[in-house]
Amino acid sequence: MPITNKDRKPKSCHFCLNNKLIVDYKDVGTLRRFVSAQMKIAPRRRSGLCALHQRGVATAVKRARQASLMAFM
């Protein structure tokens, strides 16, 4: 039996659940959750973030790469 969208649990934003308004580029441990093994930024459908925090994560990852906190690969 195939899995349909109504059978899946709705994803909830990590930052909204933890009441974090700002995504910090210096918090590399949290940012690693939202990048793949090839260090690509994960899309919203995989990360489960809301649109606001997905944009913040993308910006934070790019800033962390420029500050040499994360690898470009």
N, C-alpha and C. Protein backbone atom coordinates (compact mmCIF):
# COMPACT_ATOMS: atom_id res chain seq x y z
N MET A 1 0.83 -1.18 0.00
CA MET A 1 0.00 0.00 0.00
C MET A 1 0.88 1.24 0.00
N PRO A 2 0.72 2.13 -0.97
CA PRO A 2 1.57 3.33 -1.02
C PRO A 2 1.22 4.32 0.08
N ILE A 3 2.23 5.06 0.47
CA ILE A 3 2.05 6.09 1.51
C ILE A 3 1.55 7.36 0.83
N THR A 4 0.46 7.88 1.32
CA THR A 4 -0.06 9.14 0.78
C THR A 4 0.30 10.28 1.71
N ASN A 5 0.03 11.48 1.26
CA ASN A 5 0.37 12.65 2.07
C ASN A 5 -0.41 12.70 3.37
N LYS A 6 -1.64 12.21 3.38
CA LYS A 6 -2.42 12.27 4.62
C LYS A 6 -1.97 11.22 5.63
N ASP A 7 -1.20 10.22 5.18
CA ASP A 7 -0.68 9.20 6.10
C ASP A 7 0.59 9.67 6.81
N ARG A 8 1.23 10.66 6.27
CA ARG A 8 2.50 11.13 6.85
C ARG A 8 2.25 12.12 7.98
N LYS A 9 3.19 12.14 8.91
CA LYS A 9 3.13 13.10 10.00
C LYS A 9 3.55 14.47 9.48
N PRO A 10 2.83 15.52 9.78
CA PRO A 10 3.23 16.84 9.28
C PRO A 10 4.55 17.27 9.93
N LYS A 11 5.43 17.80 9.11
CA LYS A 11 6.72 18.24 9.63
C LYS A 11 6.54 19.58 10.34
N SER A 12 7.31 19.79 11.37
CA SER A 12 7.23 21.04 12.09
C SER A 12 8.61 21.67 12.14
N CYS A 13 8.65 22.95 12.09
CA CYS A 13 9.89 23.71 12.01
C CYS A 13 10.67 23.58 13.33
N HIS A 14 11.94 23.25 13.22
CA HIS A 14 12.81 23.10 14.40
C HIS A 14 12.92 24.41 15.17
N PHE A 15 13.04 25.51 14.48
CA PHE A 15 13.24 26.80 15.13
C PHE A 15 11.94 27.32 15.75
N CYS A 16 10.80 27.07 15.10
CA CYS A 16 9.51 27.49 15.65
C CYS A 16 9.19 26.70 16.92
N LEU A 17 9.51 25.42 16.93
CA LEU A 17 9.24 24.60 18.12
C LEU A 17 10.08 25.04 19.31
N ASN A 18 11.31 25.47 19.06
CA ASN A 18 12.23 25.87 20.14
C ASN A 18 12.20 27.37 20.41
N ASN A 19 11.25 28.08 19.81
CA ASN A 19 11.08 29.53 20.01
C ASN A 19 12.35 30.32 19.72
N LYS A 20 13.06 29.93 18.67
CA LYS A 20 14.24 30.68 18.23
C LYS A 20 13.83 31.53 17.04
N LEU A 21 14.00 32.82 17.15
CA LEU A 21 13.61 33.71 16.07
C LEU A 21 14.73 33.89 15.06
N ILE A 22 15.96 33.87 15.53
CA ILE A 22 17.11 34.16 14.67
C ILE A 22 17.95 32.90 14.50
N VAL A 23 18.37 32.64 13.27
CA VAL A 23 19.28 31.52 12.98
C VAL A 23 20.69 32.10 13.01
N ASP A 24 21.53 31.59 13.92
CA ASP A 24 22.88 32.13 14.10
C ASP A 24 23.88 31.35 13.26
N TYR A 25 24.68 32.06 12.47
CA TYR A 25 25.66 31.40 11.60
C TYR A 25 26.81 30.80 12.40
N LYS A 26 27.00 31.22 13.66
CA LYS A 26 28.09 30.69 14.48
C LYS A 26 27.71 29.37 15.15
N ASP A 27 26.43 29.01 15.11
CA ASP A 27 25.96 27.76 15.70
C ASP A 27 26.05 26.65 14.65
N VAL A 28 27.26 26.17 14.42
CA VAL A 28 27.53 25.22 13.35
C VAL A 28 26.87 23.86 13.61
N GLY A 29 26.76 23.48 14.86
CA GLY A 29 26.14 22.20 15.20
C GLY A 29 24.69 22.12 14.74
N THR A 30 23.96 23.21 14.91
CA THR A 30 22.57 23.25 14.46
C THR A 30 22.50 23.32 12.94
N LEU A 31 23.38 24.08 12.33
CA LEU A 31 23.35 24.22 10.88
C LEU A 31 23.67 22.91 10.16
N ARG A 32 24.48 22.05 10.78
CA ARG A 32 24.84 20.77 10.15
C ARG A 32 23.63 19.86 9.98
N ARG A 33 22.59 20.07 10.78
CA ARG A 33 21.36 19.28 10.62
C ARG A 33 20.69 19.55 9.29
N PHE A 34 20.92 20.72 8.73
CA PHE A 34 20.20 21.14 7.54
C PHE A 34 21.05 21.14 6.28
N VAL A 35 22.18 20.45 6.31
CA VAL A 35 23.00 20.25 5.11
C VAL A 35 23.21 18.76 4.91
N SER A 36 23.40 18.36 3.66
CA SER A 36 23.60 16.94 3.34
C SER A 36 25.07 16.55 3.59
N ALA A 37 25.38 15.31 3.31
CA ALA A 37 26.75 14.83 3.47
C ALA A 37 27.71 15.52 2.50
N GLN A 38 27.17 15.99 1.38
CA GLN A 38 27.97 16.73 0.40
C GLN A 38 27.98 18.23 0.70
N MET A 39 27.47 18.61 1.88
CA MET A 39 27.42 19.99 2.37
C MET A 39 26.51 20.88 1.52
N LYS A 40 25.50 20.28 0.91
CA LYS A 40 24.50 21.06 0.19
C LYS A 40 23.37 21.41 1.15
N ILE A 41 22.80 22.58 0.99
CA ILE A 41 21.70 23.01 1.85
C ILE A 41 20.46 22.17 1.50
N ALA A 42 19.84 21.59 2.51
CA ALA A 42 18.68 20.71 2.29
C ALA A 42 17.45 21.54 1.92
N PRO A 43 16.61 21.00 1.03
CA PRO A 43 15.38 21.70 0.67
C PRO A 43 14.36 21.64 1.81
N ARG A 44 13.34 22.47 1.71
CA ARG A 44 12.32 22.54 2.76
C ARG A 44 11.59 21.23 2.96
N ARG A 45 11.36 20.50 1.89
CA ARG A 45 10.60 19.25 2.02
C ARG A 45 11.38 18.20 2.80
N ARG A 46 12.71 18.31 2.84
CA ARG A 46 13.50 17.37 3.63
C ARG A 46 13.80 17.90 5.02
N SER A 47 14.08 19.19 5.13
CA SER A 47 14.44 19.76 6.43
C SER A 47 13.23 19.99 7.32
N GLY A 48 12.05 20.24 6.72
CA GLY A 48 10.85 20.45 7.51
C GLY A 48 10.74 21.84 8.10
N LEU A 49 11.53 22.78 7.61
CA LEU A 49 11.49 24.14 8.13
C LEU A 49 10.39 24.95 7.46
N CYS A 50 9.96 26.00 8.15
CA CYS A 50 9.02 26.93 7.53
C CYS A 50 9.81 27.83 6.58
N ALA A 51 9.11 28.57 5.74
CA ALA A 51 9.77 29.38 4.71
C ALA A 51 10.69 30.43 5.33
N LEU A 52 10.24 31.06 6.40
CA LEU A 52 11.04 32.10 7.04
C LEU A 52 12.37 31.54 7.54
N HIS A 53 12.33 30.43 8.24
CA HIS A 53 13.56 29.87 8.79
C HIS A 53 14.40 29.16 7.74
N GLN A 54 13.80 28.66 6.67
CA GLN A 54 14.59 28.08 5.58
C GLN A 54 15.47 29.15 4.94
N ARG A 55 14.91 30.33 4.72
CA ARG A 55 15.72 31.43 4.17
C ARG A 55 16.83 31.82 5.14
N GLY A 56 16.52 31.83 6.45
CA GLY A 56 17.53 32.15 7.45
C GLY A 56 18.64 31.13 7.50
N VAL A 57 18.29 29.85 7.39
CA VAL A 57 19.30 28.79 7.40
C VAL A 57 20.20 28.90 6.17
N ALA A 58 19.60 29.18 5.01
CA ALA A 58 20.40 29.31 3.79
C ALA A 58 21.40 30.45 3.92
N THR A 59 20.96 31.58 4.45
CA THR A 59 21.85 32.72 4.64
C THR A 59 22.92 32.40 5.68
N ALA A 60 22.53 31.74 6.77
CA ALA A 60 23.48 31.41 7.83
C ALA A 60 24.54 30.42 7.35
N VAL A 61 24.15 29.44 6.54
CA VAL A 61 25.12 28.48 6.01
C VAL A 61 26.11 29.19 5.09
N LYS A 62 25.61 30.09 4.27
CA LYS A 62 26.50 30.83 3.36
C LYS A 62 27.46 31.72 4.15
N ARG A 63 26.99 32.34 5.21
CA ARG A 63 27.87 33.17 6.05
C ARG A 63 28.89 32.31 6.79
N ALA A 64 28.47 31.15 7.27
CA ALA A 64 29.39 30.25 7.98
C ALA A 64 30.48 29.74 7.03
N ARG A 65 30.13 29.53 5.77
CA ARG A 65 31.13 29.12 4.78
C ARG A 65 32.14 30.23 4.55
N GLN A 66 31.67 31.46 4.45
CA GLN A 66 32.58 32.59 4.23
C GLN A 66 33.49 32.81 5.42
N ALA A 67 32.99 32.52 6.63
CA ALA A 67 33.80 32.70 7.84
C ALA A 67 34.64 31.47 8.15
N SER A 68 34.67 30.50 7.24
CA SER A 68 35.45 29.25 7.36
C SER A 68 35.03 28.42 8.57
N LEU A 69 33.76 28.50 8.92
CA LEU A 69 33.23 27.65 9.99
C LEU A 69 32.68 26.35 9.43
N MET A 70 32.26 26.40 8.14
CA MET A 70 31.77 25.21 7.44
C MET A 70 32.50 25.09 6.12
N ALA A 71 32.57 23.86 5.62
CA ALA A 71 33.26 23.62 4.35
C ALA A 71 32.36 23.91 3.17
N PHE A 72 32.96 24.28 2.06
CA PHE A 72 32.20 24.49 0.81
C PHE A 72 31.94 23.16 0.12
N MET A 73 32.95 22.34 0.02
CA MET A 73 32.94 21.06 -0.68
C MET A 73 32.18 21.22 -1.95
